[in-house]
Amino acid sequence: MGDKIVSVYWFAILFIVAGAVVFMVYSFYGEPYDVRNAEAQKLTDRTVECFLNGVRLDEFFRDEGFSDNFLENCDLNFETEEIYGWEKSGQYFVSVEISDFVSGEEIFSHEEGNSDLAESCALNGRGFPVCFSRGVYVLDSEGNQYKLSILSVVRKTEKNVN
């Protein structure tokens, strides 16, 4: 009789452990990872690195044709997977402004990607694109002060948001 009672408890414990394992696996693999924030931050960091030569502002952005080949010059790739129709509509946007720190005069301005995404930056929530902006104060080789402002937007809501 005692063995029958122990076996009932044994099956109860086994059922509880199996339920806990199923719950943990579902919790871990149940929802996709939303990496858009990290992707937007990395896009901003890569863009900042493009304009800096070490710690100084590189003057090559003043060259004619720099804006025409912005993605190539900054070694960026805005291509996406051929899923959810992403190849037809851009999933990335980056805006760069360089202004004189003292006078505030705009020296350089360029936008690349789907500019419609920038309008959604005022909206917050899981179903909206992720925006990340950063302002960096830099010096050129002559010691002039500039402000480098970058706005990066990543959409990809179909894959990262449920």
C-alpha atoms as a PDB file:
ATOM      1  CA  MET A   1       0.000   0.000   0.000  1.00  0.00           C
ATOM      2  CA  GLY A   2       2.835   2.391   0.836  1.00  0.00           C
ATOM      3  CA  ASP A   3       4.420   1.908  -2.590  1.00  0.00           C
ATOM      4  CA  LYS A   4       1.208   2.934  -4.347  1.00  0.00           C
ATOM      5  CA  ILE A   5       1.046   6.227  -2.413  1.00  0.00           C
ATOM      6  CA  VAL A   6       4.696   7.012  -3.228  1.00  0.00           C
ATOM      7  CA  SER A   7       4.103   6.325  -6.932  1.00  0.00           C
ATOM      8  CA  VAL A   8       1.153   8.784  -6.974  1.00  0.00           C
ATOM      9  CA  TYR A   9       3.393  11.471  -5.488  1.00  0.00           C
ATOM     10  CA  TRP A  10       6.120  10.540  -7.942  1.00  0.00           C
ATOM     11  CA  PHE A  11       3.777  11.042 -10.926  1.00  0.00           C
ATOM     12  CA  ALA A  12       2.522  14.329  -9.456  1.00  0.00           C
ATOM     13  CA  ILE A  13       6.085  15.652  -9.111  1.00  0.00           C
ATOM     14  CA  LEU A  14       6.926  14.408 -12.600  1.00  0.00           C
ATOM     15  CA  PHE A  15       3.865  16.227 -14.001  1.00  0.00           C
ATOM     16  CA  ILE A  16       4.809  19.480 -12.208  1.00  0.00           C
ATOM     17  CA  VAL A  17       8.404  19.337 -13.480  1.00  0.00           C
ATOM     18  CA  ALA A  18       7.261  18.600 -17.057  1.00  0.00           C
ATOM     19  CA  GLY A  19       4.792  21.530 -16.871  1.00  0.00           C
ATOM     20  CA  ALA A  20       7.560  23.847 -15.618  1.00  0.00           C
ATOM     21  CA  VAL A  21       9.866  22.821 -18.476  1.00  0.00           C
ATOM     22  CA  VAL A  22       7.136  23.422 -21.065  1.00  0.00           C
ATOM     23  CA  PHE A  23       6.363  26.828 -19.516  1.00  0.00           C
ATOM     24  CA  MET A  24      10.038  27.888 -19.546  1.00  0.00           C
ATOM     25  CA  VAL A  25      10.564  26.791 -23.157  1.00  0.00           C
ATOM     26  CA  TYR A  26       7.443  28.654 -24.265  1.00  0.00           C
ATOM     27  CA  SER A  27       8.515  31.776 -22.342  1.00  0.00           C
ATOM     28  CA  PHE A  28      11.952  31.733 -23.946  1.00  0.00           C
ATOM     29  CA  TYR A  29      10.986  30.880 -27.528  1.00  0.00           C
ATOM     30  CA  GLY A  30       7.395  32.159 -27.565  1.00  0.00           C
ATOM     31  CA  GLU A  31       8.004  35.706 -28.839  1.00  0.00           C
ATOM     32  CA  PRO A  32      10.556  37.011 -31.348  1.00  0.00           C
ATOM     33  CA  TYR A  33      13.360  39.223 -30.158  1.00  0.00           C
ATOM     34  CA  ASP A  34      12.860  42.895 -30.982  1.00  0.00           C
ATOM     35  CA  VAL A  35      16.331  44.039 -31.974  1.00  0.00           C
ATOM     36  CA  ARG A  36      15.248  47.195 -33.790  1.00  0.00           C
ATOM     37  CA  ASN A  37      16.486  49.494 -31.018  1.00  0.00           C
ATOM     38  CA  ALA A  38      19.957  47.941 -31.122  1.00  0.00           C
ATOM     39  CA  GLU A  39      19.874  48.062 -34.927  1.00  0.00           C
ATOM     40  CA  ALA A  40      18.987  51.784 -34.902  1.00  0.00           C
ATOM     41  CA  GLN A  41      21.759  52.516 -32.390  1.00  0.00           C
ATOM     42  CA  LYS A  42      24.284  50.616 -34.496  1.00  0.00           C
ATOM     43  CA  LEU A  43      23.168  52.482 -37.631  1.00  0.00           C
ATOM     44  CA  THR A  44      23.728  55.770 -35.786  1.00  0.00           C
ATOM     45  CA  ASP A  45      27.152  54.661 -34.520  1.00  0.00           C
ATOM     46  CA  ARG A  46      28.260  53.580 -38.003  1.00  0.00           C
ATOM     47  CA  THR A  47      27.122  56.907 -39.438  1.00  0.00           C
ATOM     48  CA  VAL A  48      29.048  58.849 -36.779  1.00  0.00           C
ATOM     49  CA  GLU A  49      32.154  56.776 -37.518  1.00  0.00           C
ATOM     50  CA  CYS A  50      31.747  57.601 -41.211  1.00  0.00           C
ATOM     51  CA  PHE A  51      32.140  61.327 -40.552  1.00  0.00           C
ATOM     52  CA  LEU A  52      35.003  61.063 -38.094  1.00  0.00           C
ATOM     53  CA  ASN A  53      38.654  60.482 -38.848  1.00  0.00           C
ATOM     54  CA  GLY A  54      39.718  59.153 -35.489  1.00  0.00           C
ATOM     55  CA  VAL A  55      38.386  61.850 -33.155  1.00  0.00           C
ATOM     56  CA  ARG A  56      38.307  64.708 -35.674  1.00  0.00           C
ATOM     57  CA  LEU A  57      35.641  65.610 -38.229  1.00  0.00           C
ATOM     58  CA  ASP A  58      36.758  64.370 -41.635  1.00  0.00           C
ATOM     59  CA  GLU A  59      36.270  66.979 -44.356  1.00  0.00           C
ATOM     60  CA  PHE A  60      35.566  64.492 -47.173  1.00  0.00           C
ATOM     61  CA  PHE A  61      31.821  65.059 -46.831  1.00  0.00           C
ATOM     62  CA  ARG A  62      32.384  68.421 -48.549  1.00  0.00           C
ATOM     63  CA  ASP A  63      33.574  66.611 -51.695  1.00  0.00           C
ATOM     64  CA  GLU A  64      31.273  66.798 -54.678  1.00  0.00           C
ATOM     65  CA  GLY A  65      29.334  63.592 -55.112  1.00  0.00           C
ATOM     66  CA  PHE A  66      29.609  62.457 -51.488  1.00  0.00           C
ATOM     67  CA  SER A  67      25.843  62.671 -50.983  1.00  0.00           C
ATOM     68  CA  ASP A  68      25.166  60.829 -54.245  1.00  0.00           C
ATOM     69  CA  ASN A  69      27.039  57.763 -52.969  1.00  0.00           C
ATOM     70  CA  PHE A  70      26.285  58.201 -49.278  1.00  0.00           C
ATOM     71  CA  LEU A  71      25.567  54.531 -48.525  1.00  0.00           C
ATOM     72  CA  GLU A  72      28.677  53.375 -50.368  1.00  0.00           C
ATOM     73  CA  ASN A  73      30.911  56.081 -48.857  1.00  0.00           C
ATOM     74  CA  CYS A  74      29.747  55.247 -45.341  1.00  0.00           C
ATOM     75  CA  ASP A  75      29.794  51.485 -45.971  1.00  0.00           C
ATOM     76  CA  LEU A  76      26.097  51.097 -45.163  1.00  0.00           C
ATOM     77  CA  ASN A  77      23.658  48.630 -46.680  1.00  0.00           C
ATOM     78  CA  PHE A  78      19.899  49.283 -46.556  1.00  0.00           C
ATOM     79  CA  GLU A  79      18.939  46.081 -48.379  1.00  0.00           C
ATOM     80  CA  THR A  80      16.489  43.816 -46.552  1.00  0.00           C
ATOM     81  CA  GLU A  81      15.200  40.287 -46.822  1.00  0.00           C
ATOM     82  CA  GLU A  82      12.661  39.569 -49.525  1.00  0.00           C
ATOM     83  CA  ILE A  83       9.933  38.939 -46.985  1.00  0.00           C
ATOM     84  CA  TYR A  84       6.759  40.824 -46.095  1.00  0.00           C
ATOM     85  CA  GLY A  85       7.287  43.034 -49.181  1.00  0.00           C
ATOM     86  CA  TRP A  86      10.219  44.814 -47.533  1.00  0.00           C
ATOM     87  CA  GLU A  87      12.207  44.996 -50.755  1.00  0.00           C
ATOM     88  CA  LYS A  88       9.545  47.343 -52.187  1.00  0.00           C
ATOM     89  CA  SER A  89       9.406  49.768 -49.264  1.00  0.00           C
ATOM     90  CA  GLY A  90      12.481  50.915 -47.393  1.00  0.00           C
ATOM     91  CA  GLN A  91      12.847  49.705 -43.828  1.00  0.00           C
ATOM     92  CA  TYR A  92      15.618  52.146 -42.875  1.00  0.00           C
ATOM     93  CA  PHE A  93      16.100  55.891 -42.735  1.00  0.00           C
ATOM     94  CA  VAL A  94      19.040  58.009 -41.653  1.00  0.00           C
ATOM     95  CA  SER A  95      19.282  61.794 -41.518  1.00  0.00           C
ATOM     96  CA  VAL A  96      22.585  63.624 -41.001  1.00  0.00           C
ATOM     97  CA  GLU A  97      23.080  67.314 -40.264  1.00  0.00           C
ATOM     98  CA  ILE A  98      26.358  69.069 -39.595  1.00  0.00           C
ATOM     99  CA  SER A  99      26.144  72.607 -38.302  1.00  0.00           C
ATOM    100  CA  ASP A 100      28.627  75.157 -37.050  1.00  0.00           C
ATOM    101  CA  PHE A 101      28.518  75.060 -33.264  1.00  0.00           C
ATOM    102  CA  VAL A 102      29.053  78.800 -32.801  1.00  0.00           C
ATOM    103  CA  SER A 103      26.824  80.276 -35.529  1.00  0.00           C
ATOM    104  CA  GLY A 104      24.367  77.392 -35.879  1.00  0.00           C
ATOM    105  CA  GLU A 105      24.748  77.601 -39.671  1.00  0.00           C
ATOM    106  CA  GLU A 106      24.007  74.314 -41.414  1.00  0.00           C
ATOM    107  CA  ILE A 107      27.083  73.072 -43.269  1.00  0.00           C
ATOM    108  CA  PHE A 108      25.865  69.674 -44.491  1.00  0.00           C
ATOM    109  CA  SER A 109      22.527  67.895 -44.596  1.00  0.00           C
ATOM    110  CA  HIS A 110      21.610  64.563 -46.105  1.00  0.00           C
ATOM    111  CA  GLU A 111      18.791  62.017 -45.819  1.00  0.00           C
ATOM    112  CA  GLU A 112      18.909  58.447 -47.027  1.00  0.00           C
ATOM    113  CA  GLY A 113      16.266  55.736 -47.062  1.00  0.00           C
ATOM    114  CA  ASN A 114      12.497  55.857 -46.583  1.00  0.00           C
ATOM    115  CA  SER A 115      11.816  59.427 -45.365  1.00  0.00           C
ATOM    116  CA  ASP A 116       8.206  58.534 -44.468  1.00  0.00           C
ATOM    117  CA  LEU A 117       9.565  56.640 -41.459  1.00  0.00           C
ATOM    118  CA  ALA A 118      10.796  59.848 -39.806  1.00  0.00           C
ATOM    119  CA  GLU A 119       7.209  61.058 -39.402  1.00  0.00           C
ATOM    120  CA  SER A 120       6.463  58.163 -37.041  1.00  0.00           C
ATOM    121  CA  CYS A 121       9.171  59.121 -34.539  1.00  0.00           C
ATOM    122  CA  ALA A 122       6.655  61.083 -32.469  1.00  0.00           C
ATOM    123  CA  LEU A 123       4.619  57.889 -32.035  1.00  0.00           C
ATOM    124  CA  ASN A 124       5.680  55.324 -29.477  1.00  0.00           C
ATOM    125  CA  GLY A 125       4.579  51.757 -29.171  1.00  0.00           C
ATOM    126  CA  ARG A 126       5.247  48.254 -30.335  1.00  0.00           C
ATOM    127  CA  GLY A 127       3.644  48.666 -33.760  1.00  0.00           C
ATOM    128  CA  PHE A 128       5.681  51.707 -34.798  1.00  0.00           C
ATOM    129  CA  PRO A 129       9.216  52.091 -36.158  1.00  0.00           C
ATOM    130  CA  VAL A 130      12.039  52.612 -33.672  1.00  0.00           C
ATOM    131  CA  CYS A 131      13.833  55.973 -33.799  1.00  0.00           C
ATOM    132  CA  PHE A 132      17.210  56.793 -32.312  1.00  0.00           C
ATOM    133  CA  SER A 133      18.863  60.203 -32.450  1.00  0.00           C
ATOM    134  CA  ARG A 134      22.227  61.393 -31.283  1.00  0.00           C
ATOM    135  CA  GLY A 135      24.055  64.693 -31.281  1.00  0.00           C
ATOM    136  CA  VAL A 136      27.850  64.680 -31.244  1.00  0.00           C
ATOM    137  CA  TYR A 137      30.075  67.709 -30.837  1.00  0.00           C
ATOM    138  CA  VAL A 138      33.272  67.417 -32.877  1.00  0.00           C
ATOM    139  CA  LEU A 139      36.295  69.434 -33.935  1.00  0.00           C
ATOM    140  CA  ASP A 140      37.840  69.577 -37.379  1.00  0.00           C
ATOM    141  CA  SER A 141      41.591  69.556 -38.058  1.00  0.00           C
ATOM    142  CA  GLU A 142      41.749  73.341 -37.532  1.00  0.00           C
ATOM    143  CA  GLY A 143      39.931  73.275 -34.193  1.00  0.00           C
ATOM    144  CA  ASN A 144      36.569  74.565 -35.459  1.00  0.00           C
ATOM    145  CA  GLN A 145      33.579  73.249 -33.513  1.00  0.00           C
ATOM    146  CA  TYR A 146      30.668  71.458 -35.182  1.00  0.00           C
ATOM    147  CA  LYS A 147      27.549  69.626 -34.110  1.00  0.00           C
ATOM    148  CA  LEU A 148      26.842  66.345 -35.880  1.00  0.00           C
ATOM    149  CA  SER A 149      23.163  65.358 -35.496  1.00  0.00           C
ATOM    150  CA  ILE A 150      21.961  61.949 -36.645  1.00  0.00           C
ATOM    151  CA  LEU A 151      18.493  60.416 -36.673  1.00  0.00           C
ATOM    152  CA  SER A 152      18.179  56.706 -37.462  1.00  0.00           C
ATOM    153  CA  VAL A 153      14.892  54.869 -37.961  1.00  0.00           C
ATOM    154  CA  VAL A 154      14.316  51.126 -38.329  1.00  0.00           C
ATOM    155  CA  ARG A 155      10.867  49.809 -39.232  1.00  0.00           C
ATOM    156  CA  LYS A 156      10.733  45.989 -39.601  1.00  0.00           C
ATOM    157  CA  THR A 157       7.548  45.808 -37.524  1.00  0.00           C
ATOM    158  CA  GLU A 158       6.217  42.630 -39.161  1.00  0.00           C
ATOM    159  CA  LYS A 159       9.169  40.523 -38.047  1.00  0.00           C
ATOM    160  CA  ASN A 160       9.918  42.062 -34.653  1.00  0.00           C
ATOM    161  CA  VAL A 161       6.501  42.931 -33.267  1.00  0.00           C
ATOM    162  CA  ASN A 162       3.517  40.684 -32.605  1.00  0.00           C
END
